[in-house]
Amino acid sequence: MWYVYVLRSLKSERLYTSSTNDLERRLAEHNAGKSTYTSQTGPYQLVYHEEWPTQLEARRRERFLKSGKGREFVRSVLGH
């Protein structure tokens, strides 16, 4: 199973979207500062995720969520 997820920085309120096959491990890595892009703005809170059967489908969904329409979707789901 693959996951597309959205994190919210507890410092800056910025959202971060990505995908992984191990959601718990990846969240722990983000919060431990082991991810270059997110290391300066942690800790993070998981605010949204979806499950996908294949990596290809998850990456396609991740790409959509990073687009303009996808960001609108995430904001609507999160109530922003």
N, C-alpha and C. Protein backbone atom coordinates (compact mmCIF):
# COMPACT_ATOMS: atom_id res chain seq x y z
N MET A 1 0.85 -1.18 0.00
CA MET A 1 0.00 0.00 0.00
C MET A 1 0.90 1.24 0.00
N TRP A 2 0.51 2.24 -0.76
CA TRP A 2 1.22 3.52 -0.83
C TRP A 2 0.32 4.62 -0.29
N TYR A 3 0.92 5.63 0.27
CA TYR A 3 0.18 6.73 0.89
C TYR A 3 0.62 8.06 0.30
N VAL A 4 -0.35 8.92 0.07
CA VAL A 4 -0.10 10.32 -0.24
C VAL A 4 -0.52 11.06 1.01
N TYR A 5 0.33 11.97 1.48
CA TYR A 5 0.04 12.60 2.76
C TYR A 5 0.33 14.09 2.73
N VAL A 6 -0.34 14.79 3.63
CA VAL A 6 -0.13 16.22 3.80
C VAL A 6 0.21 16.46 5.27
N LEU A 7 1.30 17.15 5.49
CA LEU A 7 1.72 17.53 6.83
C LEU A 7 1.57 19.02 7.02
N ARG A 8 1.32 19.43 8.25
CA ARG A 8 1.29 20.86 8.59
C ARG A 8 2.40 21.11 9.59
N SER A 9 3.22 22.12 9.30
CA SER A 9 4.27 22.52 10.22
C SER A 9 3.64 23.19 11.43
N LEU A 10 4.01 22.76 12.61
CA LEU A 10 3.50 23.39 13.83
C LEU A 10 4.20 24.72 14.10
N LYS A 11 5.33 24.97 13.42
CA LYS A 11 6.04 26.25 13.55
C LYS A 11 5.49 27.30 12.61
N SER A 12 5.39 26.94 11.33
CA SER A 12 5.07 27.94 10.31
C SER A 12 3.68 27.79 9.69
N GLU A 13 2.97 26.71 10.03
CA GLU A 13 1.65 26.43 9.47
C GLU A 13 1.70 26.05 7.98
N ARG A 14 2.89 25.93 7.39
CA ARG A 14 3.01 25.56 5.99
C ARG A 14 2.62 24.09 5.81
N LEU A 15 2.10 23.79 4.62
CA LEU A 15 1.72 22.43 4.29
C LEU A 15 2.80 21.79 3.43
N TYR A 16 3.00 20.50 3.61
CA TYR A 16 3.97 19.72 2.85
C TYR A 16 3.28 18.46 2.36
N THR A 17 3.37 18.18 1.07
CA THR A 17 2.71 17.03 0.46
C THR A 17 3.75 16.09 -0.13
N SER A 18 3.58 14.79 0.10
CA SER A 18 4.50 13.80 -0.45
C SER A 18 3.83 12.43 -0.46
N SER A 19 4.61 11.40 -0.79
CA SER A 19 4.09 10.03 -0.79
C SER A 19 5.13 9.08 -0.22
N THR A 20 4.66 7.94 0.27
CA THR A 20 5.54 6.95 0.88
C THR A 20 4.83 5.61 0.95
N ASN A 21 5.60 4.55 1.21
CA ASN A 21 4.98 3.25 1.43
C ASN A 21 4.96 2.90 2.93
N ASP A 22 5.48 3.79 3.77
CA ASP A 22 5.47 3.58 5.23
C ASP A 22 5.21 4.93 5.91
N LEU A 23 3.97 5.21 6.14
CA LEU A 23 3.55 6.53 6.64
C LEU A 23 4.10 6.84 8.02
N GLU A 24 4.04 5.89 8.94
CA GLU A 24 4.54 6.13 10.30
C GLU A 24 6.03 6.44 10.31
N ARG A 25 6.80 5.64 9.57
CA ARG A 25 8.25 5.87 9.50
C ARG A 25 8.56 7.23 8.91
N ARG A 26 7.85 7.59 7.83
CA ARG A 26 8.12 8.86 7.15
C ARG A 26 7.78 10.05 8.04
N LEU A 27 6.68 9.99 8.77
CA LEU A 27 6.33 11.07 9.69
C LEU A 27 7.40 11.21 10.78
N ALA A 28 7.86 10.08 11.29
CA ALA A 28 8.93 10.11 12.30
C ALA A 28 10.19 10.74 11.73
N GLU A 29 10.53 10.42 10.48
CA GLU A 29 11.71 11.02 9.85
C GLU A 29 11.57 12.53 9.70
N HIS A 30 10.39 12.98 9.29
CA HIS A 30 10.16 14.42 9.17
C HIS A 30 10.33 15.09 10.53
N ASN A 31 9.75 14.53 11.55
CA ASN A 31 9.80 15.13 12.88
C ASN A 31 11.18 15.04 13.52
N ALA A 32 12.01 14.11 13.06
CA ALA A 32 13.38 13.97 13.58
C ALA A 32 14.36 14.85 12.80
N GLY A 33 13.87 15.57 11.78
CA GLY A 33 14.73 16.44 11.00
C GLY A 33 15.57 15.71 9.97
N LYS A 34 15.18 14.50 9.59
CA LYS A 34 15.96 13.70 8.65
C LYS A 34 15.62 13.96 7.19
N SER A 35 14.66 14.82 6.94
CA SER A 35 14.30 15.19 5.58
C SER A 35 14.83 16.59 5.31
N THR A 36 15.64 16.75 4.28
CA THR A 36 16.28 18.03 4.00
C THR A 36 15.28 19.17 3.88
N TYR A 37 14.22 18.96 3.11
CA TYR A 37 13.27 20.04 2.84
C TYR A 37 12.50 20.46 4.09
N THR A 38 12.21 19.53 4.98
CA THR A 38 11.36 19.84 6.13
C THR A 38 12.12 19.96 7.45
N SER A 39 13.42 19.82 7.43
CA SER A 39 14.18 19.76 8.69
C SER A 39 14.14 21.06 9.49
N GLN A 40 13.98 22.19 8.86
CA GLN A 40 14.03 23.47 9.57
C GLN A 40 12.68 23.94 10.10
N THR A 41 11.60 23.32 9.66
CA THR A 41 10.27 23.84 10.02
C THR A 41 9.42 22.85 10.82
N GLY A 42 10.03 21.79 11.34
CA GLY A 42 9.29 20.82 12.15
C GLY A 42 9.06 21.34 13.54
N PRO A 43 8.30 20.70 14.35
CA PRO A 43 7.65 19.40 14.12
C PRO A 43 6.43 19.53 13.20
N TYR A 44 6.01 18.37 12.72
CA TYR A 44 4.89 18.28 11.79
C TYR A 44 3.76 17.46 12.35
N GLN A 45 2.56 17.79 11.88
CA GLN A 45 1.36 17.05 12.24
C GLN A 45 0.75 16.52 10.95
N LEU A 46 0.38 15.24 10.92
CA LEU A 46 -0.30 14.66 9.77
C LEU A 46 -1.72 15.20 9.74
N VAL A 47 -2.10 15.88 8.65
CA VAL A 47 -3.44 16.46 8.59
C VAL A 47 -4.33 15.80 7.53
N TYR A 48 -3.72 15.02 6.61
CA TYR A 48 -4.52 14.37 5.58
C TYR A 48 -3.69 13.25 4.96
N HIS A 49 -4.34 12.15 4.61
CA HIS A 49 -3.67 11.10 3.85
C HIS A 49 -4.68 10.27 3.07
N GLU A 50 -4.17 9.66 2.01
CA GLU A 50 -4.95 8.76 1.17
C GLU A 50 -4.13 7.50 0.93
N GLU A 51 -4.80 6.38 0.74
CA GLU A 51 -4.13 5.12 0.43
C GLU A 51 -4.31 4.81 -1.05
N TRP A 52 -3.24 4.31 -1.68
CA TRP A 52 -3.27 3.93 -3.09
C TRP A 52 -2.60 2.57 -3.23
N PRO A 53 -3.09 1.73 -4.14
CA PRO A 53 -2.54 0.37 -4.26
C PRO A 53 -1.14 0.31 -4.88
N THR A 54 -0.77 1.29 -5.71
CA THR A 54 0.54 1.23 -6.37
C THR A 54 1.28 2.56 -6.20
N GLN A 55 2.60 2.49 -6.35
CA GLN A 55 3.41 3.70 -6.27
C GLN A 55 3.05 4.66 -7.40
N LEU A 56 2.80 4.15 -8.59
CA LEU A 56 2.46 4.99 -9.72
C LEU A 56 1.20 5.81 -9.44
N GLU A 57 0.16 5.17 -8.92
CA GLU A 57 -1.08 5.88 -8.61
C GLU A 57 -0.86 6.92 -7.52
N ALA A 58 -0.07 6.57 -6.51
CA ALA A 58 0.21 7.52 -5.43
C ALA A 58 0.98 8.73 -5.97
N ARG A 59 1.96 8.51 -6.82
CA ARG A 59 2.74 9.62 -7.38
C ARG A 59 1.88 10.52 -8.26
N ARG A 60 0.97 9.91 -9.00
CA ARG A 60 0.05 10.73 -9.83
C ARG A 60 -0.83 11.60 -8.95
N ARG A 61 -1.34 11.02 -7.86
CA ARG A 61 -2.19 11.78 -6.94
C ARG A 61 -1.37 12.87 -6.24
N GLU A 62 -0.14 12.56 -5.85
CA GLU A 62 0.74 13.55 -5.23
C GLU A 62 0.95 14.72 -6.19
N ARG A 63 1.23 14.42 -7.44
CA ARG A 63 1.44 15.47 -8.44
C ARG A 63 0.19 16.35 -8.56
N PHE A 64 -1.00 15.73 -8.56
CA PHE A 64 -2.24 16.51 -8.61
C PHE A 64 -2.38 17.40 -7.38
N LEU A 65 -2.14 16.85 -6.19
CA LEU A 65 -2.32 17.63 -4.96
C LEU A 65 -1.35 18.80 -4.89
N LYS A 66 -0.25 18.74 -5.62
CA LYS A 66 0.71 19.84 -5.65
C LYS A 66 0.37 20.87 -6.72
N SER A 67 -0.63 20.59 -7.54
CA SER A 67 -1.07 21.54 -8.57
C SER A 67 -2.02 22.57 -7.96
N GLY A 68 -2.38 23.55 -8.72
CA GLY A 68 -3.31 24.59 -8.23
C GLY A 68 -4.63 24.02 -7.78
N LYS A 69 -5.25 23.19 -8.62
CA LYS A 69 -6.53 22.57 -8.26
C LYS A 69 -6.38 21.63 -7.08
N GLY A 70 -5.26 20.93 -7.01
CA GLY A 70 -5.01 20.03 -5.90
C GLY A 70 -4.86 20.77 -4.58
N ARG A 71 -4.14 21.89 -4.60
CA ARG A 71 -4.00 22.70 -3.38
C ARG A 71 -5.35 23.24 -2.94
N GLU A 72 -6.20 23.62 -3.91
CA GLU A 72 -7.56 24.06 -3.57
C GLU A 72 -8.32 22.93 -2.89
N PHE A 73 -8.19 21.71 -3.42
CA PHE A 73 -8.86 20.55 -2.84
C PHE A 73 -8.40 20.34 -1.39
N VAL A 74 -7.08 20.36 -1.17
CA VAL A 74 -6.54 20.14 0.18
C VAL A 74 -7.07 21.22 1.12
N ARG A 75 -7.04 22.46 0.70
CA ARG A 75 -7.54 23.55 1.56
C ARG A 75 -9.02 23.35 1.89
N SER A 76 -9.81 22.88 0.91
CA SER A 76 -11.24 22.68 1.16
C SER A 76 -11.46 21.53 2.15
N VAL A 77 -10.66 20.48 2.03
CA VAL A 77 -10.79 19.34 2.95
C VAL A 77 -10.38 19.76 4.36
N LEU A 78 -9.35 20.60 4.45
CA LEU A 78 -8.86 21.04 5.76
C LEU A 78 -9.66 22.21 6.34
N GLY A 79 -10.55 22.76 5.54
CA GLY A 79 -11.39 23.86 6.02
C GLY A 79 -10.68 25.21 6.01
N HIS A 80 -9.78 25.40 5.06
CA HIS A 80 -9.08 26.70 4.93
C HIS A 80 -9.64 27.51 3.82
